[in-house]
Amino acid sequence: MPRWNGTSGKGVIRAGSRGWLGGPGARQRYSFDQAVHAQEAVHQIAAALAWFDAKVRLYCRQTAQAQLDEASQQLQGDCWSKVKRLLSDDRTLSHLDQLSAHLTSAVSEPVLRDALTRLWYVHDQMRQAQGDACIRLRQLVVIEQVLCERLCPQWQSAYRRVDELLRHAVRASSAVECVNSVVRMHQGRHRHVSQGLLDLKRLYWNCRVFREGKRKGQSPYDLLGLHLPSADWWQLLQMAPEELEQKLLTQSVGA
């Protein structure tokens, strides 16, 4: 080991090694390992909250919950308590139950339903791919279409129903990110956000009309088919609950 200013660096290396392996630096090594495990857990959680697994099969509640439970075991410390409670809550995977029920109602034959969902996934990936990847996916689309044809000669009509459901499905993780993107700015200024303030923000953003994009001129409430007496969130707040309820009932009867 070369010397600097007449001092050997071997002692420094030995001291650093002792610190990393079991000395005062063991705490830093433990924190580093915990951060790595937490990052791996986050990736696993994001995958479990998606619609499809690595084998291009729709997640069922049992499989997704098993992955969430496995990821939760990697999250150590009190700071993860709230996250682990949310991951174990039955409502976290309710989107999978709803989609499964809708798909079963749309296509009763399970083998055909699986083939159609696979075709939808590959076709969706093909639209986003480029170059050689797009060519390979296009070939897979043809193969899946031949399989669907053999399972059911009228598969196109069933595929349209599956396509309608999957295109309009809202993934749980995406919904959470939408809420976080709105609340994060407020959380940067205040440590806690009350439920009342969250409800107020929800009303404001759901009444807000999109200015551009394919949803231009519509609000989230409009897209959900909810027609309120006014699109102005402030005017809605000024209405008495009885008045608002009466107007909603009048609109539903008129429709």
Protein backbone atom coordinates (compact mmCIF):
# COMPACT_ATOMS: atom_id res chain seq x y z
CA MET A 1 0.00 0.00 0.00
CA PRO A 2 1.58 3.37 -0.95
CA ARG A 3 2.18 6.00 1.68
CA TRP A 4 0.92 9.55 1.79
CA ASN A 5 2.75 12.00 4.07
CA GLY A 6 4.75 9.07 5.48
CA THR A 7 1.63 7.21 6.70
CA SER A 8 0.54 3.75 5.54
CA GLY A 9 -3.06 3.34 4.42
CA LYS A 10 -3.37 -0.28 5.57
CA GLY A 11 -4.64 0.69 8.97
CA VAL A 12 -7.36 2.82 7.41
CA ILE A 13 -8.55 -0.06 5.23
CA ARG A 14 -8.54 -2.51 8.15
CA ALA A 15 -10.49 -0.07 10.31
CA GLY A 16 -13.01 0.55 7.54
CA SER A 17 -13.45 -3.17 6.98
CA ARG A 18 -14.04 -3.79 10.69
CA GLY A 19 -16.60 -0.99 10.73
CA TRP A 20 -18.49 -2.32 7.72
CA LEU A 21 -18.46 -5.94 8.92
CA GLY A 22 -19.13 -5.57 12.61
CA GLY A 23 -17.79 -2.39 14.15
CA PRO A 24 -19.37 1.06 14.37
CA GLY A 25 -20.19 0.93 10.65
CA ALA A 26 -22.45 -2.08 11.09
CA ARG A 27 -25.41 0.24 11.55
CA GLN A 28 -24.73 1.86 8.18
CA ARG A 29 -24.46 -1.54 6.53
CA TYR A 30 -27.75 -2.61 8.13
CA SER A 31 -29.45 0.57 6.90
CA PHE A 32 -28.08 0.00 3.42
CA ASP A 33 -29.37 -3.59 3.38
CA GLN A 34 -32.77 -2.43 4.59
CA ALA A 35 -32.94 0.17 1.83
CA VAL A 36 -32.11 -2.47 -0.79
CA HIS A 37 -34.78 -4.81 0.59
CA ALA A 38 -37.30 -1.99 0.66
CA GLN A 39 -36.58 -1.14 -2.98
CA GLU A 40 -37.05 -4.76 -3.99
CA ALA A 41 -40.29 -4.89 -2.01
CA VAL A 42 -41.59 -1.77 -3.76
CA HIS A 43 -40.96 -3.34 -7.18
CA GLN A 44 -42.73 -6.51 -6.06
CA ILE A 45 -45.69 -4.53 -4.72
CA ALA A 46 -45.99 -2.57 -7.97
CA ALA A 47 -45.99 -5.84 -9.93
CA ALA A 48 -48.64 -7.38 -7.67
CA LEU A 49 -50.92 -4.38 -8.15
CA ALA A 50 -50.78 -4.69 -11.94
CA TRP A 51 -53.32 -6.59 -14.02
CA PHE A 52 -50.99 -9.21 -15.55
CA ASP A 53 -48.20 -11.32 -14.09
CA ALA A 54 -44.90 -12.20 -15.78
CA LYS A 55 -46.57 -15.11 -17.62
CA VAL A 56 -49.19 -12.80 -19.19
CA ARG A 57 -51.98 -14.11 -17.00
CA LEU A 58 -54.48 -11.97 -15.19
CA TYR A 59 -53.76 -11.80 -11.49
CA CYS A 60 -56.21 -13.43 -9.13
CA ARG A 61 -56.62 -12.20 -5.57
CA GLN A 62 -54.82 -15.19 -4.02
CA THR A 63 -51.69 -14.84 -6.17
CA ALA A 64 -51.49 -11.06 -5.82
CA GLN A 65 -52.06 -11.18 -2.03
CA ALA A 66 -49.33 -13.79 -1.65
CA GLN A 67 -46.89 -11.47 -3.41
CA LEU A 68 -47.96 -8.52 -1.25
CA ASP A 69 -47.49 -10.58 1.92
CA GLU A 70 -44.03 -11.66 0.77
CA ALA A 71 -43.08 -8.07 -0.01
CA SER A 72 -44.40 -6.87 3.36
CA GLN A 73 -41.99 -9.17 5.17
CA GLN A 74 -39.09 -7.22 3.63
CA LEU A 75 -40.38 -3.92 5.03
CA GLN A 76 -38.86 -3.63 8.48
CA GLY A 77 -39.44 -0.87 11.00
CA ASP A 78 -42.34 1.14 12.37
CA CYS A 79 -42.20 3.55 9.42
CA TRP A 80 -43.74 0.82 7.24
CA SER A 81 -46.60 -0.05 9.58
CA LYS A 82 -49.24 1.93 7.69
CA VAL A 83 -48.10 0.55 4.33
CA LYS A 84 -48.25 -3.02 5.61
CA ARG A 85 -51.75 -2.47 6.98
CA LEU A 86 -52.91 -1.17 3.61
CA LEU A 87 -51.34 -4.11 1.78
CA SER A 88 -53.17 -6.57 4.03
CA ASP A 89 -56.51 -4.77 3.66
CA ASP A 90 -59.03 -6.72 1.56
CA ARG A 91 -60.00 -3.53 -0.27
CA THR A 92 -56.53 -3.14 -1.77
CA LEU A 93 -57.18 -5.89 -4.33
CA SER A 94 -60.88 -5.25 -4.86
CA HIS A 95 -60.09 -4.09 -8.42
CA LEU A 96 -59.08 -7.66 -9.29
CA ASP A 97 -62.35 -9.06 -7.94
CA GLN A 98 -64.39 -6.56 -9.93
CA LEU A 99 -62.52 -7.13 -13.18
CA SER A 100 -62.70 -10.91 -12.79
CA ALA A 101 -66.46 -10.75 -12.23
CA HIS A 102 -66.96 -8.48 -15.26
CA LEU A 103 -64.81 -10.65 -17.53
CA THR A 104 -66.59 -13.81 -16.39
CA SER A 105 -69.90 -12.16 -17.18
CA ALA A 106 -68.64 -11.05 -20.61
CA VAL A 107 -67.03 -14.41 -21.58
CA SER A 108 -68.23 -17.44 -19.63
CA GLU A 109 -65.81 -19.97 -21.20
CA PRO A 110 -62.59 -19.80 -19.09
CA VAL A 111 -60.20 -21.08 -21.79
CA LEU A 112 -61.50 -18.61 -24.35
CA ARG A 113 -61.47 -15.83 -21.76
CA ASP A 114 -57.81 -16.47 -20.95
CA ALA A 115 -56.90 -16.52 -24.65
CA LEU A 116 -58.72 -13.25 -25.29
CA THR A 117 -57.06 -11.50 -22.35
CA ARG A 118 -53.66 -12.71 -23.56
CA LEU A 119 -54.42 -11.41 -27.03
CA TRP A 120 -55.42 -8.05 -25.58
CA TYR A 121 -52.20 -7.80 -23.56
CA VAL A 122 -49.93 -8.71 -26.49
CA HIS A 123 -51.79 -6.29 -28.77
CA ASP A 124 -51.47 -3.53 -26.17
CA GLN A 125 -47.73 -4.17 -25.84
CA MET A 126 -47.36 -4.14 -29.63
CA ARG A 127 -48.80 -0.61 -29.83
CA GLN A 128 -46.11 0.62 -27.45
CA ALA A 129 -43.18 -1.33 -28.93
CA GLN A 130 -40.83 -0.29 -31.74
CA GLY A 131 -38.45 -2.00 -34.15
CA ASP A 132 -37.78 -5.72 -33.80
CA ALA A 133 -39.84 -5.94 -30.63
CA CYS A 134 -42.89 -4.71 -32.50
CA ILE A 135 -42.35 -7.33 -35.23
CA ARG A 136 -42.12 -10.15 -32.70
CA LEU A 137 -45.23 -8.98 -30.90
CA ARG A 138 -47.12 -8.73 -34.19
CA GLN A 139 -46.29 -12.37 -34.82
CA LEU A 140 -47.58 -13.27 -31.36
CA VAL A 141 -50.80 -11.40 -32.08
CA VAL A 142 -51.36 -13.53 -35.19
CA ILE A 143 -50.72 -16.72 -33.21
CA GLU A 144 -53.14 -15.69 -30.48
CA GLN A 145 -55.78 -14.78 -33.05
CA VAL A 146 -55.50 -18.24 -34.65
CA LEU A 147 -55.92 -19.81 -31.21
CA CYS A 148 -59.01 -17.71 -30.50
CA GLU A 149 -60.43 -18.64 -33.91
CA ARG A 150 -60.08 -22.33 -33.13
CA LEU A 151 -61.69 -21.90 -29.70
CA CYS A 152 -64.63 -19.88 -31.01
CA PRO A 153 -65.42 -18.87 -34.61
CA GLN A 154 -67.24 -15.76 -33.28
CA TRP A 155 -64.34 -14.70 -31.08
CA GLN A 156 -64.26 -11.13 -32.42
CA SER A 157 -67.47 -10.15 -30.64
CA ALA A 158 -66.19 -11.63 -27.38
CA TYR A 159 -62.87 -9.83 -27.86
CA ARG A 160 -64.64 -6.50 -28.22
CA ARG A 161 -66.27 -7.02 -24.82
CA VAL A 162 -62.93 -7.94 -23.24
CA ASP A 163 -61.24 -4.96 -24.89
CA GLU A 164 -63.89 -2.61 -23.54
CA LEU A 165 -63.40 -3.88 -20.00
CA LEU A 166 -59.62 -3.86 -19.98
CA ARG A 167 -59.26 -0.46 -21.68
CA HIS A 168 -61.44 1.23 -19.08
CA ALA A 169 -60.13 -0.64 -16.08
CA VAL A 170 -58.37 1.50 -13.49
CA ARG A 171 -55.38 -0.12 -11.84
CA ALA A 172 -55.15 0.33 -8.11
CA SER A 173 -51.58 1.58 -8.19
CA SER A 174 -52.48 4.14 -10.88
CA ALA A 175 -55.40 5.39 -8.82
CA VAL A 176 -53.13 5.81 -5.81
CA GLU A 177 -50.61 7.74 -7.88
CA CYS A 178 -53.35 10.05 -9.16
CA VAL A 179 -54.32 10.88 -5.59
CA ASN A 180 -50.70 11.26 -4.50
CA SER A 181 -49.90 13.61 -7.36
CA VAL A 182 -52.63 15.96 -6.13
CA VAL A 183 -52.00 15.62 -2.41
CA ARG A 184 -48.18 15.62 -2.57
CA MET A 185 -47.93 19.39 -3.06
CA HIS A 186 -50.09 20.00 -0.02
CA GLN A 187 -48.16 17.46 2.04
CA GLY A 188 -44.98 19.34 1.23
CA ARG A 189 -46.32 22.29 3.25
CA HIS A 190 -48.29 20.49 5.93
CA ARG A 191 -47.41 17.35 7.79
CA HIS A 192 -50.95 16.04 8.08
CA VAL A 193 -53.94 16.25 5.77
CA SER A 194 -57.34 15.83 7.40
CA GLN A 195 -60.07 13.72 5.85
CA GLY A 196 -62.21 16.80 5.38
CA LEU A 197 -59.51 18.51 3.35
CA LEU A 198 -59.01 15.37 1.25
CA ASP A 199 -62.75 15.33 0.52
CA LEU A 200 -62.60 18.98 -0.51
CA LYS A 201 -59.67 18.35 -2.84
CA ARG A 202 -61.46 15.35 -4.31
CA LEU A 203 -64.52 17.45 -5.10
CA TYR A 204 -62.40 20.19 -6.70
CA TRP A 205 -60.38 17.87 -8.93
CA ASN A 206 -63.33 15.71 -9.94
CA CYS A 207 -65.25 18.82 -11.05
CA ARG A 208 -62.27 20.27 -12.90
CA VAL A 209 -62.65 20.14 -16.70
CA PHE A 210 -59.68 18.81 -18.67
CA ARG A 211 -58.23 21.46 -20.97
CA GLU A 212 -56.45 19.17 -23.41
CA GLY A 213 -56.05 15.55 -24.42
CA LYS A 214 -58.67 13.00 -25.40
CA ARG A 215 -60.78 13.99 -22.33
CA LYS A 216 -60.80 17.69 -23.22
CA GLY A 217 -63.98 19.49 -22.20
CA GLN A 218 -65.00 16.83 -19.68
CA SER A 219 -64.51 16.43 -15.97
CA PRO A 220 -63.85 13.15 -14.11
CA TYR A 221 -67.46 13.22 -12.89
CA ASP A 222 -68.66 13.60 -16.49
CA LEU A 223 -66.57 10.62 -17.56
CA LEU A 224 -68.14 8.56 -14.76
CA GLY A 225 -71.61 9.50 -15.98
CA LEU A 226 -72.41 11.61 -12.92
CA HIS A 227 -74.32 14.75 -13.93
CA LEU A 228 -74.38 17.35 -11.16
CA PRO A 229 -76.60 20.45 -11.02
CA SER A 230 -73.48 22.55 -11.54
CA ALA A 231 -69.94 21.89 -12.74
CA ASP A 232 -68.65 24.62 -10.41
CA TRP A 233 -67.41 22.99 -7.21
CA TRP A 234 -67.85 26.23 -5.27
CA GLN A 235 -71.51 26.51 -6.23
CA LEU A 236 -72.04 22.93 -5.14
CA LEU A 237 -70.60 23.75 -1.73
CA GLN A 238 -73.00 26.70 -1.37
CA MET A 239 -76.05 24.46 -1.87
CA ALA A 240 -77.85 23.08 1.13
CA PRO A 241 -77.64 19.26 1.32
CA GLU A 242 -81.44 19.01 0.96
CA GLU A 243 -81.41 21.23 -2.13
CA LEU A 244 -78.60 19.25 -3.75
CA GLU A 245 -80.33 15.95 -2.99
CA GLN A 246 -83.60 17.21 -4.47
CA LYS A 247 -81.90 18.36 -7.69
CA LEU A 248 -80.10 15.05 -8.08
CA LEU A 249 -83.38 13.17 -7.62
CA THR A 250 -85.09 15.41 -10.18
CA GLN A 251 -82.33 14.78 -12.72
CA SER A 252 -82.45 10.99 -12.17
CA VAL A 253 -86.23 10.92 -12.61
CA GLY A 254 -86.02 13.08 -15.74
CA ALA A 255 -83.34 10.81 -17.22
